[in-house]
Structure formats: C-alpha cells, structure tokens
Protein backbone atom coordinates (compact mmCIF):
# COMPACT_ATOMS: atom_id res chain seq x y z
CA MET A 1 0.01 -0.02 0.03
CA SER A 2 1.03 3.55 -0.64
CA SER A 3 0.59 4.53 2.97
CA SER A 4 4.09 3.14 3.68
CA LYS A 5 5.77 5.35 1.25
CA GLY A 6 7.97 8.14 2.82
CA LYS A 7 8.18 6.40 6.11
CA ALA A 8 11.37 6.05 8.05
CA PRO A 9 12.88 2.61 7.68
CA ALA A 10 11.75 0.34 10.48
CA THR A 11 14.01 -1.62 12.76
CA SER A 12 13.42 -5.35 13.28
CA ASN A 13 14.75 -5.11 16.79
CA ALA A 14 11.85 -5.30 19.25
CA SER A 15 13.83 -3.51 21.94
CA ASN A 16 13.76 -0.40 19.84
CA GLY A 17 9.97 -0.34 19.82
CA ALA A 18 9.92 2.15 22.60
CA TYR A 19 11.27 4.87 20.41
CA GLU A 20 8.83 4.28 17.58
CA LEU A 21 5.13 5.08 16.88
CA PRO A 22 2.70 2.22 17.60
CA TRP A 23 2.24 0.41 14.24
CA VAL A 24 -1.34 1.14 14.07
CA GLU A 25 -0.33 4.88 13.91
CA LYS A 26 2.73 4.34 11.82
CA TYR A 27 0.79 2.54 9.08
CA ARG A 28 -2.46 4.52 9.32
CA PRO A 29 -3.72 5.30 5.81
CA GLU A 30 -3.26 8.83 4.77
CA VAL A 31 -5.41 8.91 1.52
CA LEU A 32 -8.71 7.12 0.85
CA GLY A 33 -7.01 4.82 -1.65
CA ASP A 34 -5.04 3.25 1.15
CA VAL A 35 -8.13 2.40 3.36
CA VAL A 36 -8.57 -1.46 3.48
CA GLY A 37 -11.95 -2.98 2.87
CA ASN A 38 -15.48 -1.51 2.51
CA VAL A 39 -14.64 -0.76 -1.24
CA GLU A 40 -18.07 0.51 -2.35
CA THR A 41 -18.35 2.97 0.62
CA VAL A 42 -14.82 4.28 0.30
CA GLU A 43 -15.54 4.86 -3.44
CA ARG A 44 -18.41 7.09 -2.50
CA LEU A 45 -15.98 9.13 -0.26
CA LYS A 46 -13.58 9.36 -3.16
CA VAL A 47 -16.34 10.96 -5.26
CA ILE A 48 -17.07 13.41 -2.50
CA ALA A 49 -13.31 14.29 -2.25
CA LYS A 50 -13.18 14.79 -5.97
CA ASP A 51 -16.32 17.01 -6.20
CA GLY A 52 -15.38 18.93 -3.10
CA ASN A 53 -18.95 19.48 -1.94
CA CYS A 54 -19.01 17.38 1.29
CA PRO A 55 -22.33 16.74 2.92
CA HIS A 56 -22.79 16.15 6.64
CA ILE A 57 -21.84 12.39 7.09
CA ILE A 58 -22.47 9.62 9.57
CA ILE A 59 -20.20 6.53 9.30
CA SER A 60 -21.29 3.71 11.41
CA GLY A 61 -19.75 0.22 12.00
CA MET A 62 -17.75 -1.91 14.49
CA PRO A 63 -14.56 -0.56 16.17
CA GLY A 64 -11.27 -0.76 14.36
CA ILE A 65 -12.48 -0.94 10.73
CA GLY A 66 -11.43 2.48 9.50
CA LYS A 67 -14.27 4.86 10.16
CA THR A 68 -12.42 7.69 11.79
CA THR A 69 -9.35 7.13 9.57
CA SER A 70 -11.55 7.43 6.54
CA ILE A 71 -12.98 10.76 7.69
CA HIS A 72 -9.39 12.09 8.29
CA CYS A 73 -8.25 10.91 4.82
CA LEU A 74 -11.34 12.67 3.31
CA ALA A 75 -10.57 15.83 5.20
CA HIS A 76 -6.97 15.75 4.09
CA GLN A 77 -8.00 15.38 0.46
CA LEU A 78 -10.66 18.18 0.73
CA LEU A 79 -8.59 20.79 2.63
CA GLY A 80 -4.92 20.01 1.77
CA SER A 81 -2.54 22.38 3.49
CA ALA A 82 -5.51 24.09 5.29
CA TYR A 83 -6.33 20.84 7.23
CA LYS A 84 -4.89 21.96 10.65
CA GLU A 85 -6.91 25.24 10.63
CA GLY A 86 -10.04 23.78 8.98
CA VAL A 87 -10.63 20.72 11.02
CA LEU A 88 -11.91 20.39 14.63
CA GLU A 89 -11.84 16.86 16.17
CA LEU A 90 -13.72 15.88 19.22
CA ASN A 91 -14.01 12.51 20.87
CA ALA A 92 -17.65 12.50 21.92
CA SER A 93 -17.02 9.74 24.46
CA ASP A 94 -14.93 12.23 26.44
CA GLU A 95 -16.47 15.46 25.56
CA ARG A 96 -20.07 14.74 24.97
CA GLY A 97 -22.02 17.31 27.04
CA ILE A 98 -24.16 20.12 25.78
CA ASP A 99 -21.60 22.69 26.78
CA VAL A 100 -19.01 21.30 24.34
CA VAL A 101 -21.47 21.77 21.43
CA ARG A 102 -22.42 25.25 22.64
CA ASN A 103 -18.96 26.41 23.14
CA LYS A 104 -16.14 24.53 21.26
CA ILE A 105 -18.14 23.68 18.15
CA LYS A 106 -19.87 27.03 17.94
CA GLN A 107 -16.65 28.88 18.39
CA PHE A 108 -14.97 26.80 15.68
CA ALA A 109 -17.96 27.22 13.31
CA GLN A 110 -17.86 31.00 13.63
CA LYS A 111 -14.08 31.22 13.24
CA LYS A 112 -12.90 32.66 9.94
CA VAL A 113 -10.41 30.39 8.13
CA THR A 114 -8.88 30.57 4.69
CA LEU A 115 -9.83 27.32 2.72
CA PRO A 116 -9.53 26.25 -0.79
CA PRO A 117 -12.32 27.58 -2.98
CA GLY A 118 -15.74 25.81 -2.48
CA ARG A 119 -14.50 23.85 0.59
CA HIS A 120 -15.94 23.87 4.16
CA LYS A 121 -14.57 23.61 7.59
CA ILE A 122 -15.04 20.07 8.94
CA VAL A 123 -16.05 19.01 12.52
CA ILE A 124 -15.13 15.38 13.21
CA LEU A 125 -17.11 13.85 16.04
CA ASP A 126 -15.70 10.39 17.10
CA GLU A 127 -17.84 8.07 19.16
CA ALA A 128 -20.85 10.32 18.31
CA ASP A 129 -23.34 7.76 19.66
CA SER A 130 -22.01 8.48 23.21
CA MET A 131 -23.31 12.04 23.04
CA THR A 132 -26.07 12.90 25.45
CA PRO A 133 -29.59 13.52 23.92
CA GLY A 134 -29.35 17.18 24.98
CA ALA A 135 -25.98 17.65 23.24
CA GLN A 136 -27.32 15.97 20.07
CA GLN A 137 -30.32 18.43 20.06
CA ALA A 138 -27.90 21.37 20.42
CA LEU A 139 -25.82 19.92 17.67
CA ARG A 140 -28.76 19.60 15.33
CA ARG A 141 -29.38 23.32 15.72
CA THR A 142 -25.70 24.13 15.20
CA MET A 143 -25.60 22.00 12.03
CA GLU A 144 -28.48 24.12 10.72
CA ILE A 145 -27.14 27.51 11.52
CA PHE A 146 -23.61 26.99 10.26
CA SER A 147 -24.20 24.67 7.24
CA ASN A 148 -22.90 27.24 4.84
CA THR A 149 -19.39 27.15 6.28
CA THR A 150 -19.08 23.99 8.30
CA ARG A 151 -19.77 20.30 7.59
CA PHE A 152 -20.00 17.62 10.30
CA ALA A 153 -18.55 14.09 10.02
CA LEU A 154 -19.73 11.68 12.73
CA ALA A 155 -18.15 8.30 13.39
CA CYS A 156 -20.25 5.88 15.58
CA ASN A 157 -20.68 2.22 16.36
CA MET A 158 -24.45 2.26 16.26
CA SER A 159 -26.31 4.84 14.06
CA ASN A 160 -29.59 4.22 15.73
CA LYS A 161 -28.27 5.96 18.88
CA ILE A 162 -28.06 9.23 16.80
CA ILE A 163 -31.31 11.13 17.02
CA GLU A 164 -33.54 11.04 13.87
CA PRO A 165 -33.25 14.80 13.08
CA ILE A 166 -29.42 14.47 12.87
CA GLN A 167 -29.63 11.26 10.87
CA SER A 168 -31.99 12.96 8.29
CA ARG A 169 -29.49 15.82 7.77
CA CYS A 170 -26.57 13.41 7.00
CA ALA A 171 -25.45 10.90 4.38
CA ILE A 172 -25.25 7.66 6.27
CA LEU A 173 -22.48 5.31 5.33
CA ARG A 174 -22.19 1.82 6.89
CA TYR A 175 -18.89 0.00 7.26
CA SER A 176 -18.90 -3.70 7.67
CA LYS A 177 -16.20 -5.94 9.39
CA LEU A 178 -13.08 -6.59 7.37
CA SER A 179 -12.66 -9.96 5.76
CA ASP A 180 -9.89 -12.43 6.81
CA ALA A 181 -8.20 -11.94 3.42
CA GLU A 182 -8.20 -8.15 3.80
CA ILE A 183 -6.60 -8.29 7.27
CA LEU A 184 -4.10 -10.96 6.25
CA LYS A 185 -2.96 -8.84 3.24
CA ARG A 186 -2.36 -5.82 5.57
CA LEU A 187 -0.60 -7.86 8.17
CA LEU A 188 1.73 -9.45 5.54
CA GLU A 189 2.66 -5.91 4.25
CA ILE A 190 3.51 -4.78 7.84
CA CYS A 191 5.52 -7.96 8.42
CA GLU A 192 7.55 -7.33 5.38
CA MET A 193 8.19 -3.66 6.23
CA GLU A 194 9.09 -4.46 9.86
CA LYS A 195 11.07 -7.58 9.03
CA VAL A 196 8.83 -9.64 11.26
CA GLU A 197 9.33 -13.39 11.38
CA TYR A 198 6.09 -15.40 11.44
CA ASN A 199 4.47 -18.77 10.52
CA GLU A 200 1.05 -19.29 8.93
CA ASP A 201 -0.48 -20.44 12.21
CA GLY A 202 0.67 -17.24 13.76
CA LEU A 203 -1.10 -15.10 11.30
CA ALA A 204 -4.22 -17.19 11.46
CA ALA A 205 -4.22 -16.71 15.22
CA LEU A 206 -4.00 -12.90 14.76
CA ILE A 207 -6.90 -12.96 12.34
CA PHE A 208 -8.91 -15.20 14.68
CA THR A 209 -8.32 -12.96 17.69
CA SER A 210 -9.06 -9.77 15.76
CA GLU A 211 -12.56 -10.69 14.54
CA GLY A 212 -12.53 -8.31 11.70
CA ASP A 213 -10.91 -5.46 13.70
CA MET A 214 -7.82 -4.23 11.79
CA ARG A 215 -6.61 -2.10 14.65
CA GLN A 216 -6.80 -5.10 17.03
CA ALA A 217 -4.83 -7.27 14.53
CA ILE A 218 -2.04 -4.77 14.10
CA ASN A 219 -1.84 -4.10 17.80
CA ASN A 220 -1.63 -7.82 18.58
CA LEU A 221 0.99 -8.21 15.88
CA GLN A 222 3.18 -5.64 17.38
CA SER A 223 2.73 -6.87 20.96
CA THR A 224 3.62 -10.36 19.95
CA TRP A 225 6.63 -9.34 17.99
CA SER A 226 7.81 -7.15 20.87
CA GLY A 227 7.26 -9.86 23.47
CA PHE A 228 8.53 -13.03 21.57
CA ASN A 229 10.36 -11.86 18.47
CA TYR A 230 8.30 -14.55 16.54
CA ILE A 231 4.58 -14.71 15.52
CA SER A 232 3.33 -18.21 16.30
CA ALA A 233 -0.10 -19.23 17.27
CA ASP A 234 1.00 -20.01 20.87
CA ASN A 235 2.71 -16.61 21.25
CA VAL A 236 -0.32 -14.78 19.90
CA PHE A 237 -2.65 -16.40 22.31
CA LYS A 238 -0.28 -15.75 25.20
CA VAL A 239 -0.27 -12.11 24.38
CA CYS A 240 -4.05 -11.80 23.68
CA ASP A 241 -4.84 -13.88 26.81
CA GLN A 242 -7.75 -15.71 25.11
CA PRO A 243 -8.61 -19.46 25.57
CA HIS A 244 -6.62 -21.49 23.01
CA PRO A 245 -8.90 -22.46 20.08
CA VAL A 246 -7.14 -25.90 19.93
CA ILE A 247 -8.43 -26.71 23.49
CA ILE A 248 -11.84 -25.37 22.62
CA GLN A 249 -11.85 -27.39 19.44
CA ALA A 250 -10.97 -30.53 21.43
CA MET A 251 -13.88 -29.74 23.79
CA VAL A 252 -16.30 -29.47 20.79
CA LYS A 253 -15.00 -32.70 19.32
CA ALA A 254 -15.68 -34.45 22.61
CA CYS A 255 -19.28 -33.03 22.58
CA LEU A 256 -19.78 -34.32 19.02
CA LYS A 257 -19.04 -37.80 20.23
CA GLY A 258 -21.24 -37.36 23.26
CA ASN A 259 -18.13 -37.66 25.52
CA ILE A 260 -19.03 -35.58 28.57
CA ASP A 261 -16.03 -36.61 30.52
CA GLY A 262 -13.70 -35.42 27.70
CA ALA A 263 -15.49 -32.20 27.42
CA MET A 264 -15.48 -31.44 31.05
CA GLU A 265 -11.81 -32.22 31.29
CA LYS A 266 -11.00 -29.53 28.65
CA LEU A 267 -13.44 -27.16 30.27
CA SER A 268 -11.73 -27.58 33.66
CA GLU A 269 -8.26 -27.02 32.01
CA LEU A 270 -9.38 -23.61 30.74
CA TRP A 271 -11.17 -22.77 34.03
CA ASP A 272 -8.09 -23.66 35.98
CA GLN A 273 -6.05 -21.26 33.72
CA GLY A 274 -8.24 -18.43 35.04
CA TYR A 275 -10.44 -17.61 32.08
CA SER A 276 -13.80 -16.16 32.78
CA ALA A 277 -17.09 -17.73 31.62
CA VAL A 278 -17.54 -15.01 29.07
CA ASP A 279 -14.08 -15.62 27.55
CA ILE A 280 -14.86 -19.36 27.25
CA VAL A 281 -18.39 -19.05 25.89
CA VAL A 282 -17.35 -16.39 23.35
CA THR A 283 -14.48 -18.59 22.04
CA ILE A 284 -16.66 -21.63 21.83
CA PHE A 285 -19.07 -19.66 19.58
CA ARG A 286 -16.22 -18.45 17.41
CA VAL A 287 -14.91 -21.93 16.97
CA VAL A 288 -18.22 -23.60 16.31
CA LYS A 289 -19.25 -21.10 13.73
CA THR A 290 -16.15 -21.74 11.63
CA TYR A 291 -15.80 -25.44 12.25
CA ASP A 292 -16.44 -27.24 9.04
CA GLU A 293 -16.66 -30.77 10.59
CA ILE A 294 -19.91 -29.99 12.44
CA PRO A 295 -23.03 -30.78 10.33
CA GLU A 296 -25.14 -27.77 9.51
CA TYR A 297 -28.22 -28.86 11.68
CA THR A 298 -25.92 -29.70 14.66
CA LYS A 299 -24.16 -26.28 14.24
CA LEU A 300 -27.55 -24.53 14.49
CA GLU A 301 -28.43 -26.43 17.70
CA TYR A 302 -24.94 -25.72 19.16
CA ILE A 303 -25.14 -22.00 18.43
CA LYS A 304 -28.68 -21.82 19.99
CA GLU A 305 -27.46 -23.44 23.24
CA ILE A 306 -24.23 -21.24 23.39
CA GLY A 307 -26.47 -18.15 22.82
CA PHE A 308 -28.68 -19.09 25.81
CA THR A 309 -25.57 -19.74 27.97
CA HIS A 310 -24.03 -16.45 26.93
CA MET A 311 -27.22 -14.68 27.96
CA ARG A 312 -27.20 -16.34 31.44
CA VAL A 313 -23.51 -15.54 31.83
CA LEU A 314 -24.06 -11.87 31.08
CA GLU A 315 -26.90 -11.86 33.61
CA GLY A 316 -24.35 -12.78 36.29
CA VAL A 317 -24.45 -16.61 36.32
CA GLY A 318 -20.87 -17.22 35.21
CA THR A 319 -20.11 -20.38 37.08
CA LEU A 320 -18.39 -23.64 36.24
CA ILE A 321 -21.64 -25.39 36.77
CA GLN A 322 -23.35 -23.14 34.05
CA LEU A 323 -20.63 -24.01 31.62
CA GLY A 324 -20.83 -27.65 32.53
CA GLY A 325 -24.57 -27.53 31.72
CA LEU A 326 -23.70 -26.18 28.33
CA MET A 327 -21.33 -29.07 27.66
CA ALA A 328 -24.02 -31.60 28.82
CA ARG A 329 -26.58 -29.99 26.43
CA LEU A 330 -24.17 -30.13 23.54
CA CYS A 331 -23.33 -33.80 24.21
CA ARG A 332 -27.00 -34.58 24.52
CA THR A 333 -27.78 -33.26 20.99
CA HIS A 334 -26.19 -36.43 19.58
CA MET A 335 -27.72 -38.97 21.92
CA LYS A 336 -30.77 -41.14 20.94
CA PRO A 337 -34.11 -39.81 22.25
CA GLU A 338 -34.97 -43.21 23.70
CA LEU A 339 -32.07 -42.97 26.06
CA PHE A 340 -33.95 -40.21 27.95
CA LYS A 341 -37.17 -42.19 28.29
CA VAL A 342 -38.05 -43.25 31.88
C-alpha cells in the first residue's frame, strides 16, 4: 500500500519499539486509496473528495475498521494544507455534554479560516453515539445555523443511537467488518516492512483474535513481536490472553462424540487457567461457527445453546456449573431420544 511510502525505515529489533510510533499509527492510511476494505463505501467518499462538496456524514460500524481514519483521509484530500486550521476533532465519549456543542463547536464554526475555493470547515465527532440527547439536540441546531461554512462528520458504532433529526441531515455510510483476506494482506505488508518473522498459524491466530478489527490485529501483531520476536499461534494467544482455540476445538470434538467426561476435562483445564465464563463461551461460539466438521443442523443447535448460555453468563451466572450444563446439552444433541425415556 502507498501509505508506507515516505516512512522512516523500521528496525526489526523489538527492543527499539519504545522509540517508535505504535504500528497502528505508523501505518495508518493517509489517503482514501489506502483504506482497507469497504470498497464501495470508500468509493463514495472518493467521489465526495473529488467533487469537493462534502455533505454532513455519519459513518457507522464496528470498532477498528477504519471509520475515523476514512474521515481524516477525506478531510486531508478536501482541505490540503488548510487541514490543521479547517478541522476540529472531538471525541464525543470524553467531551459529550451540551456545553461542548455550545462552546467549542460553535466557536470553531464561527471562526474565519482561509480554505480552498468551495471547501468547508469540517467538525469530526468520534464516538458520536455516546453524546447525550441534549448535546445531540444542540448539535442539530448548530448544524442548521452553520451549514454554509461547516460540515459535520460523525463516526459511531451504532447509528440508531443518533437522534432522527441529525440522521435525516446526513449521508449515512455503513462499514462492515473486514474480511480475513483483507486483514491478512495488511498484516503481510507490515510484516515485510518491519522484518517480522512469522508462521502461517501465527497469522491465522492474529486473524482469529481480531474478529474483523484491523486495529486489534495490528496491535496484537506488534505486541507479539515485541514480546517474543516471533509470530506463532501459541505466542499470539499468550499475548491476547484468550482461551486457545485448539483446546476449545478438542472440547467441541468431545461433545460431538457425546463424551461428557472429555468435554469437562478440557473445560476444567481452561477454568483452572483463570479464564472467565464469558471468555470461554465467546471462544466456543467463534470456534463452532467456523468449524467445518460440524453438520449444519448440529451447528444450528450448538449456536442456539451457546447463545442461551451467553445470555445467562451476562446476567451474572458465570459459574463452572453453568458451563458444565452447556457441555451436557451439547453432548445430549447427539444422543438417541430413547435414552432419555423413563
């Protein structure tokens, strides 16, 4: 990717990492063409950057998939050298009260700034769905009054938490999770530029733990490299501190055979390692949904049972007995109905 151009050469020595930017910042895209994934949505932003007439925008989607980065790239391409003066960025999760809208945003919108012809000042609101309803109402009015000079770009995880009057004033763009192939491609590029040594299982583990979150994948890559100087599956899971999928897979295989003792043995192994019930249930779900050896009907039944257990765990019943009950229900799926007749 072209985002690596012009960067200082990276050192492969993990001990020098303290003097460098985090890789997630070092390799952050600078133009829209470098943004990974969500091709159709990014193309729409490229059209806006080319035309220059930027509407108010809401970009929604899961964390770590490039929402805020895309907005920054768009602002850079629209404003060029006037970017610093012409952009106000606020993280709404920290500064989300009504006073912020009334004071900071209003002052910025009223400020006179020299911009390229036909361009507008841009207010970037990160985590906009964390704004209080009062602040959102104040923002709605501010958007109306200053729309001639200022455009608003909101990044949020859930657009339904933005009030309807603001949504109706914005173009809403939705970002989906990044695919495994898209994350792998970016990780390989960074590994090459940073001279990182790895094996295929290590990269697969990074993709598994990231769940479509590019920021998480890159952070985990750097953490594993700094800690172990080699990217292997075991090293990645040590750094990420998640239940090892191989143990979970062995547990699921035992359930497929109706072997409750084998399943409980693996469960106890994870429990003794100190993992919480949520960690274990979530990893079971992630393994089951991608496990090709499970017949489709069985997979549906498993996911249903995992879902019920997850709900109970989130309600506060995160005990070993609750997880043991899940193992029993998964094993029972394969046993003949007549065995349960009294």
